[in-house]
Amino acid sequence: MTTTLPVRAPRTALSTLRRDPRDLWPEHARKLYDRLVGLYGEGDALPTLAASWIAHQRSIHTQRSYAHGFRIFEEFAREYGAHPMAVKVVLADAFRLHLETAPTWVRVKGGARGEMALTGKPYSEASRANALSAASSFFAYLDKVSDDGVKNPFDAVQRPVLDPDYSPTPGYTEDEWARLLRTARDHHRSTAHRKRAYALLLMLYTCCLRIDSLLNARVEDLGYDKGHRVLLLEKMKGGGRKKKPIPPVAWDALQDYLDGRTSGWLFCTASGGQLDEPAVWRLLQSLAKRAELPARGPHGTKGDAITHALAKKDARPDKIQRWADHKDSRTTQRYNQRKELLDDSPGYGLAADVARTLEHGSA
């Protein structure tokens, strides 16, 4: 493995401090550090610099996304015998090609709990773009913290062209959402599971929340302001805090689920631990199957909420943009455009004419 590194190790400077600033790193920076120390040892600069780069990101969402993308890049570099910090443009471009065909990790059906295998479909365009963006961002960070500068090998690497109007996640109509909510309220496993599922879905949908934002909320973040029940949340993109008003139907379901609980994770496991995204994925897959709807994960919920809000007669795009926590109005409108691409398809009119001709014969 190549060990000539473009950046000086930060260990000496850290050793002179009274306290170690690494103790303040967020979760995803700490996890990446521990993983890299296990692979490269504490004497290598990579664990500290990579984790510092993750901690440098403003939002939890970006920290998690970049940490995941960097792990894919690091595994690729190690497989080729190159130190990740010493990768040059030829190997960087080979990483792009690798992502187009490499299998992904999937759960082993019938295997042990948590057992995974590299047998999944190749990375999607969005996943490839994220991995390349993460690697590029890491080298850009190295350039900032290096005394002599570091050339970013990913500057010359082409990224997948993503269509902002396309989403692989199937959307639900308002009637289908009502069916999903009724299934959660009336037909899901035990009473405790029904209460949690119903409250969680209502909070996601009526408050227009990202799943990671909701799962990081605590009961202590609930409050009251100017006649509204609110949830004080950290914004997952761009940082900052925001009060989200909770509609009465969602508040009542949430209080029924909490049953007097005043502390801890807002949505938790039976033992009080933080509910995680894989558990929510499994929940939605199960509910969709029971409701006879297309299976999907939680990330399409916010898009459905925006699409349905924009379809109302008195819709105010500016208010919906703020509700959705979008900085750019074009991001909000994309959800409407995706729906219009389907609802306004000229193919429906052509098909109706063809059907009439086939049934009654040509005029």
Protein backbone atom coordinates (compact mmCIF):
# COMPACT_ATOMS: atom_id res chain seq x y z
CA MET A 1 0.00 0.00 0.00
CA THR A 2 1.28 3.47 -0.88
CA THR A 3 2.10 5.39 2.30
CA THR A 4 3.45 8.71 0.97
CA LEU A 5 0.88 11.17 2.29
CA PRO A 6 0.16 14.72 1.08
CA VAL A 7 -0.78 16.07 4.53
CA ARG A 8 1.12 16.10 7.80
CA ALA A 9 -0.38 14.00 10.58
CA PRO A 10 -2.17 16.14 13.21
CA ARG A 11 -1.12 14.02 16.20
CA THR A 12 1.67 16.29 17.43
CA ALA A 13 -0.52 19.37 17.58
CA LEU A 14 -3.29 17.50 19.38
CA SER A 15 -0.91 16.12 21.99
CA THR A 16 -0.08 19.64 23.19
CA LEU A 17 -3.69 20.45 24.10
CA ARG A 18 -5.06 20.05 27.60
CA ARG A 19 -8.13 18.22 26.27
CA ASP A 20 -8.60 16.21 23.08
CA PRO A 21 -11.00 18.05 20.70
CA ARG A 22 -11.86 14.69 19.13
CA ASP A 23 -14.02 14.03 22.20
CA LEU A 24 -16.52 16.54 20.76
CA TRP A 25 -16.90 14.82 17.41
CA PRO A 26 -20.47 13.89 16.36
CA GLU A 27 -21.57 10.28 16.06
CA HIS A 28 -20.75 9.67 12.39
CA ALA A 29 -17.27 11.21 12.72
CA ARG A 30 -16.53 9.01 15.73
CA LYS A 31 -17.75 5.86 13.97
CA LEU A 32 -15.62 6.58 10.91
CA TYR A 33 -12.59 7.26 13.10
CA ASP A 34 -12.96 3.99 14.99
CA ARG A 35 -13.32 2.06 11.72
CA LEU A 36 -10.25 3.66 10.13
CA VAL A 37 -8.09 3.28 13.25
CA GLY A 38 -8.87 -0.43 13.16
CA LEU A 39 -7.63 -0.56 9.55
CA TYR A 40 -4.71 1.88 9.54
CA GLY A 41 -3.73 2.28 13.19
CA GLU A 42 -3.48 5.42 15.32
CA GLY A 43 -0.14 6.35 13.74
CA ASP A 44 -1.75 7.09 10.38
CA ALA A 45 -3.12 10.57 9.63
CA LEU A 46 -6.17 9.26 7.77
CA PRO A 47 -8.48 8.41 10.73
CA THR A 48 -8.17 11.84 12.34
CA LEU A 49 -8.35 13.83 9.10
CA ALA A 50 -11.28 11.87 7.66
CA ALA A 51 -13.24 12.12 10.91
CA SER A 52 -12.42 15.84 11.22
CA TRP A 53 -13.76 16.32 7.71
CA ILE A 54 -17.03 14.59 8.65
CA ALA A 55 -17.31 16.69 11.83
CA HIS A 56 -16.75 19.77 9.63
CA GLN A 57 -20.07 19.17 7.80
CA ARG A 58 -22.94 21.27 9.12
CA SER A 59 -25.84 18.85 9.02
CA ILE A 60 -26.25 15.35 10.44
CA HIS A 61 -27.67 14.23 7.10
CA THR A 62 -24.51 15.31 5.23
CA GLN A 63 -22.27 13.78 7.90
CA ARG A 64 -23.97 10.42 7.55
CA SER A 65 -24.19 10.54 3.75
CA TYR A 66 -20.53 11.53 3.29
CA ALA A 67 -19.31 8.99 5.84
CA HIS A 68 -21.12 6.25 3.92
CA GLY A 69 -19.74 7.44 0.57
CA PHE A 70 -16.21 7.68 1.96
CA ARG A 71 -16.34 4.10 3.26
CA ILE A 72 -17.12 2.91 -0.27
CA PHE A 73 -14.17 4.92 -1.63
CA GLU A 74 -11.80 3.74 1.11
CA GLU A 75 -12.62 0.07 0.48
CA PHE A 76 -11.97 0.55 -3.23
CA ALA A 77 -8.61 2.28 -2.66
CA ARG A 78 -7.51 -0.38 -0.18
CA GLU A 79 -8.46 -3.14 -2.63
CA TYR A 80 -6.09 -1.58 -5.17
CA GLY A 81 -3.30 -1.21 -2.61
CA ALA A 82 -3.44 2.60 -2.49
CA HIS A 83 -3.71 4.79 0.58
CA PRO A 84 -6.94 6.85 0.22
CA MET A 85 -5.06 10.13 0.75
CA ALA A 86 -2.56 9.28 -2.00
CA VAL A 87 -5.09 8.45 -4.75
CA LYS A 88 -4.35 10.12 -8.10
CA VAL A 89 -6.65 10.94 -11.01
CA VAL A 90 -6.30 7.59 -12.84
CA LEU A 91 -7.48 5.63 -9.81
CA ALA A 92 -10.11 8.25 -9.02
CA ASP A 93 -11.61 7.80 -12.47
CA ALA A 94 -11.39 4.02 -12.09
CA PHE A 95 -13.49 4.43 -8.93
CA ARG A 96 -16.19 6.04 -11.09
CA LEU A 97 -16.17 3.03 -13.41
CA HIS A 98 -16.13 0.63 -10.46
CA LEU A 99 -19.31 2.16 -9.05
CA GLU A 100 -21.17 1.52 -12.31
CA THR A 101 -20.83 -2.27 -12.08
CA ALA A 102 -19.91 -3.19 -8.49
CA PRO A 103 -22.51 -5.22 -6.54
CA THR A 104 -23.92 -3.71 -3.35
CA TRP A 105 -24.50 -5.09 0.13
CA VAL A 106 -27.92 -6.70 0.74
CA ARG A 107 -29.42 -8.71 3.56
CA VAL A 108 -29.16 -12.47 3.20
CA LYS A 109 -32.65 -13.97 3.06
CA GLY A 110 -32.94 -16.66 5.68
CA GLY A 111 -29.50 -15.76 7.06
CA ALA A 112 -28.49 -14.75 10.56
CA ARG A 113 -29.69 -11.42 11.92
CA GLY A 114 -27.72 -8.64 10.24
CA GLU A 115 -26.01 -11.03 7.79
CA MET A 116 -25.11 -9.21 4.55
CA ALA A 117 -23.68 -10.26 1.19
CA LEU A 118 -22.28 -8.40 -1.84
CA THR A 119 -24.97 -9.65 -4.21
CA GLY A 120 -27.16 -6.59 -4.71
CA LYS A 121 -27.73 -4.51 -7.83
CA PRO A 122 -25.02 -1.95 -8.78
CA TYR A 123 -25.21 1.48 -7.19
CA SER A 124 -27.93 3.83 -8.41
CA GLU A 125 -26.96 7.08 -10.14
CA ALA A 126 -27.74 8.99 -6.94
CA SER A 127 -25.56 6.66 -4.83
CA ARG A 128 -22.69 6.91 -7.32
CA ALA A 129 -22.97 10.69 -7.34
CA ASN A 130 -22.91 10.72 -3.53
CA ALA A 131 -19.80 8.51 -3.29
CA LEU A 132 -17.92 10.63 -5.84
CA SER A 133 -19.06 13.84 -4.15
CA ALA A 134 -17.92 12.53 -0.76
CA ALA A 135 -14.47 11.60 -2.05
CA SER A 136 -14.12 14.96 -3.79
CA SER A 137 -15.23 16.83 -0.67
CA PHE A 138 -12.62 14.94 1.39
CA PHE A 139 -9.80 16.03 -0.92
CA ALA A 140 -11.10 19.59 -0.94
CA TYR A 141 -10.88 19.51 2.86
CA LEU A 142 -7.34 18.15 2.71
CA ASP A 143 -6.43 21.07 0.45
CA LYS A 144 -7.77 23.51 3.06
CA VAL A 145 -5.90 22.02 6.00
CA SER A 146 -2.64 21.25 4.15
CA ASP A 147 0.29 23.66 4.40
CA ASP A 148 1.28 23.09 0.77
CA GLY A 149 -2.08 22.34 -0.85
CA VAL A 150 -3.46 19.07 -2.21
CA LYS A 151 -4.62 18.54 -5.78
CA ASN A 152 -8.12 17.07 -5.87
CA PRO A 153 -8.00 14.01 -8.19
CA PHE A 154 -11.81 14.04 -8.47
CA ASP A 155 -11.91 17.47 -10.13
CA ALA A 156 -11.41 15.73 -13.48
CA VAL A 157 -13.86 12.87 -12.81
CA GLN A 158 -17.27 13.05 -14.46
CA ARG A 159 -20.32 12.70 -12.21
CA PRO A 160 -23.63 11.02 -13.12
CA VAL A 161 -26.13 13.47 -14.59
CA LEU A 162 -29.16 13.38 -12.30
CA ASP A 163 -32.62 14.38 -13.51
CA PRO A 164 -34.17 16.50 -10.72
CA ASP A 165 -37.67 15.66 -11.96
CA TYR A 166 -37.15 11.91 -11.57
CA SER A 167 -37.64 9.91 -8.39
CA PRO A 168 -37.53 6.10 -8.23
CA THR A 169 -39.79 6.13 -5.16
CA PRO A 170 -43.46 5.41 -5.98
CA GLY A 171 -45.81 8.17 -4.84
CA TYR A 172 -49.09 7.64 -2.98
CA THR A 173 -52.33 9.52 -3.63
CA GLU A 174 -54.20 11.12 -0.72
CA ASP A 175 -56.66 8.21 -0.70
CA GLU A 176 -53.78 5.73 -0.57
CA TRP A 177 -52.26 7.66 2.34
CA ALA A 178 -55.58 7.44 4.20
CA ARG A 179 -55.59 3.69 3.58
CA LEU A 180 -52.02 3.36 4.90
CA LEU A 181 -52.89 5.37 8.03
CA ARG A 182 -56.01 3.30 8.71
CA THR A 183 -53.93 0.14 8.37
CA ALA A 184 -51.37 1.49 10.85
CA ARG A 185 -54.10 2.53 13.30
CA ASP A 186 -56.29 -0.56 13.12
CA HIS A 187 -54.40 -3.58 11.82
CA HIS A 188 -50.71 -3.48 12.77
CA ARG A 189 -49.50 -6.09 15.27
CA SER A 190 -50.01 -5.23 18.97
CA THR A 191 -51.70 -2.15 20.42
CA ALA A 192 -48.34 -0.59 21.33
CA HIS A 193 -47.01 -1.11 17.81
CA ARG A 194 -50.21 0.32 16.29
CA LYS A 195 -50.00 3.48 18.41
CA ARG A 196 -46.35 4.04 17.53
CA ALA A 197 -46.83 3.35 13.80
CA TYR A 198 -49.90 5.60 13.55
CA ALA A 199 -48.27 8.51 15.41
CA LEU A 200 -45.03 8.19 13.45
CA LEU A 201 -46.76 8.25 10.06
CA LEU A 202 -48.96 11.21 11.00
CA MET A 203 -45.96 13.19 12.26
CA LEU A 204 -43.95 12.47 9.09
CA TYR A 205 -46.83 13.37 6.77
CA THR A 206 -48.58 16.32 8.46
CA CYS A 207 -45.39 18.01 9.67
CA CYS A 208 -43.49 17.40 6.39
CA LEU A 209 -40.49 15.85 8.14
CA ARG A 210 -37.46 13.90 7.06
CA ILE A 211 -37.26 10.52 8.78
CA ASP A 212 -33.77 11.14 10.20
CA SER A 213 -34.94 14.46 11.64
CA LEU A 214 -37.91 12.85 13.39
CA LEU A 215 -35.92 9.91 14.75
CA ASN A 216 -33.40 12.32 16.33
CA ALA A 217 -36.18 14.21 18.16
CA ARG A 218 -36.75 13.77 21.89
CA VAL A 219 -39.87 14.12 24.02
CA GLU A 220 -38.24 17.13 25.66
CA ASP A 221 -38.35 18.87 22.25
CA LEU A 222 -42.17 19.07 22.37
CA GLY A 223 -43.57 22.44 23.36
CA TYR A 224 -46.23 25.12 23.04
CA ASP A 225 -45.99 28.46 21.26
CA LYS A 226 -48.71 31.03 20.43
CA GLY A 227 -51.54 28.52 20.56
CA HIS A 228 -49.68 25.77 18.69
CA ARG A 229 -48.26 22.45 19.81
CA VAL A 230 -44.74 22.40 18.35
CA LEU A 231 -41.72 20.19 17.91
CA LEU A 232 -38.35 21.92 18.09
CA LEU A 233 -36.10 20.22 15.57
CA GLU A 234 -32.57 20.49 14.28
CA LYS A 235 -32.70 21.08 10.54
CA MET A 236 -30.87 18.19 8.89
CA LYS A 237 -29.79 20.30 5.89
CA GLY A 238 -28.00 23.56 6.53
CA GLY A 239 -28.10 23.31 10.32
CA GLY A 240 -30.12 25.50 12.70
CA ARG A 241 -33.30 24.87 14.69
CA LYS A 242 -36.94 25.23 13.68
CA LYS A 243 -40.31 24.94 15.38
CA LYS A 244 -42.67 22.65 13.50
CA PRO A 245 -46.38 23.04 14.33
CA ILE A 246 -48.11 19.73 15.06
CA PRO A 247 -51.71 19.46 13.75
CA PRO A 248 -54.30 18.26 16.31
CA VAL A 249 -54.81 14.80 14.75
CA ALA A 250 -51.06 14.13 14.90
CA TRP A 251 -50.77 15.60 18.42
CA ASP A 252 -53.58 13.38 19.73
CA ALA A 253 -52.00 10.27 18.18
CA LEU A 254 -48.60 11.24 19.58
CA GLN A 255 -49.97 11.74 23.11
CA ASP A 256 -51.81 8.42 22.90
CA TYR A 257 -48.53 6.74 21.96
CA LEU A 258 -46.42 8.52 24.61
CA ASP A 259 -48.98 7.65 27.33
CA GLY A 260 -47.59 10.22 29.79
CA ARG A 261 -43.89 9.70 28.96
CA THR A 262 -41.98 12.99 29.41
CA SER A 263 -38.41 12.15 28.46
CA GLY A 264 -36.30 10.09 26.08
CA TRP A 265 -36.43 9.56 22.35
CA LEU A 266 -39.71 10.70 20.84
CA PHE A 267 -40.00 7.39 18.96
CA CYS A 268 -38.23 4.59 20.75
CA THR A 269 -37.90 0.83 20.94
CA ALA A 270 -39.60 -1.26 23.62
CA SER A 271 -36.46 -0.92 25.76
CA GLY A 272 -36.32 2.86 25.36
CA GLY A 273 -33.54 2.95 22.77
CA GLN A 274 -33.60 5.16 19.70
CA LEU A 275 -35.73 3.79 16.88
CA ASP A 276 -33.59 3.49 13.74
CA GLU A 277 -34.30 3.88 10.04
CA PRO A 278 -34.08 0.14 9.17
CA ALA A 279 -36.90 -0.48 11.67
CA VAL A 280 -39.02 2.22 10.02
CA TRP A 281 -38.28 0.72 6.59
CA ARG A 282 -39.50 -2.68 7.80
CA LEU A 283 -42.58 -1.05 9.33
CA LEU A 284 -43.56 0.70 6.10
CA GLN A 285 -42.93 -2.40 4.00
CA SER A 286 -45.23 -4.39 6.29
CA LEU A 287 -47.95 -1.72 6.34
CA ALA A 288 -47.85 -1.26 2.57
CA LYS A 289 -48.26 -5.00 2.07
CA ARG A 290 -51.25 -5.11 4.42
CA ALA A 291 -52.79 -2.07 2.71
CA GLU A 292 -52.12 -3.56 -0.75
CA LEU A 293 -49.95 -0.60 -1.77
CA PRO A 294 -46.55 -0.47 -3.53
CA ALA A 295 -43.80 -1.14 -1.00
CA ARG A 296 -41.41 1.71 -0.24
CA GLY A 297 -39.35 3.30 2.52
CA PRO A 298 -39.94 6.49 4.53
CA HIS A 299 -38.12 8.93 2.25
CA GLY A 300 -41.05 9.39 -0.13
CA THR A 301 -43.34 10.61 2.65
CA LYS A 302 -42.16 14.21 2.56
CA GLY A 303 -42.53 14.31 -1.22
CA ASP A 304 -46.11 13.05 -0.95
CA ALA A 305 -46.94 15.69 1.66
CA ILE A 306 -45.56 18.49 -0.54
CA THR A 307 -47.30 17.17 -3.66
CA HIS A 308 -50.67 16.90 -1.91
CA ALA A 309 -50.30 20.35 -0.31
CA LEU A 310 -49.50 21.94 -3.68
CA ALA A 311 -52.59 20.33 -5.21
CA LYS A 312 -54.97 22.14 -2.81
CA LYS A 313 -57.11 24.94 -4.29
CA ASP A 314 -55.76 27.57 -1.92
CA ALA A 315 -52.15 26.31 -2.08
CA ARG A 316 -49.49 28.94 -1.35
CA PRO A 317 -46.16 27.70 -2.78
CA ASP A 318 -44.22 30.17 -0.61
CA LYS A 319 -45.80 28.79 2.57
CA ILE A 320 -45.30 25.20 1.44
CA GLN A 321 -41.64 25.97 0.70
CA ARG A 322 -41.11 27.19 4.28
CA TRP A 323 -43.08 24.23 5.69
CA ALA A 324 -40.86 21.85 3.71
CA ASP A 325 -37.66 23.62 4.88
CA HIS A 326 -36.55 24.26 1.30
CA LYS A 327 -34.20 27.17 0.68
CA ASP A 328 -35.00 27.22 -3.04
CA SER A 329 -38.57 27.39 -4.39
CA ARG A 330 -37.50 25.29 -7.38
CA THR A 331 -36.91 22.34 -5.03
CA THR A 332 -40.51 22.57 -3.82
CA GLN A 333 -41.93 22.89 -7.32
CA ARG A 334 -40.11 19.76 -8.51
CA TYR A 335 -42.54 17.65 -6.51
CA ASN A 336 -45.41 19.27 -8.37
CA GLN A 337 -43.67 18.81 -11.72
CA ARG A 338 -43.18 15.10 -11.09
CA LYS A 339 -46.92 14.71 -10.48
CA GLU A 340 -47.81 16.79 -13.55
CA LEU A 341 -45.57 14.68 -15.75
CA LEU A 342 -47.87 11.75 -14.90
CA ASP A 343 -51.29 13.43 -14.53
CA ASP A 344 -50.98 15.54 -17.69
CA SER A 345 -49.57 12.85 -19.98
CA PRO A 346 -51.10 13.20 -23.50
CA GLY A 347 -50.97 9.40 -23.65
CA TYR A 348 -54.20 9.18 -21.65
CA GLY A 349 -56.11 11.10 -24.32
CA LEU A 350 -54.62 9.04 -27.13
CA ALA A 351 -55.41 5.82 -25.31
CA ALA A 352 -59.04 6.88 -24.75
CA ASP A 353 -59.46 7.59 -28.47
CA VAL A 354 -57.87 4.27 -29.41
CA ALA A 355 -60.08 2.41 -26.94
CA ARG A 356 -63.23 4.01 -28.40
CA THR A 357 -62.11 3.15 -31.96
CA LEU A 358 -61.36 -0.44 -31.00
CA GLU A 359 -64.74 -0.80 -29.30
CA HIS A 360 -66.95 0.92 -31.92
CA GLY A 361 -64.91 0.69 -35.10
CA SER A 362 -63.50 3.53 -37.19
CA ALA A 363 -65.76 6.46 -38.03
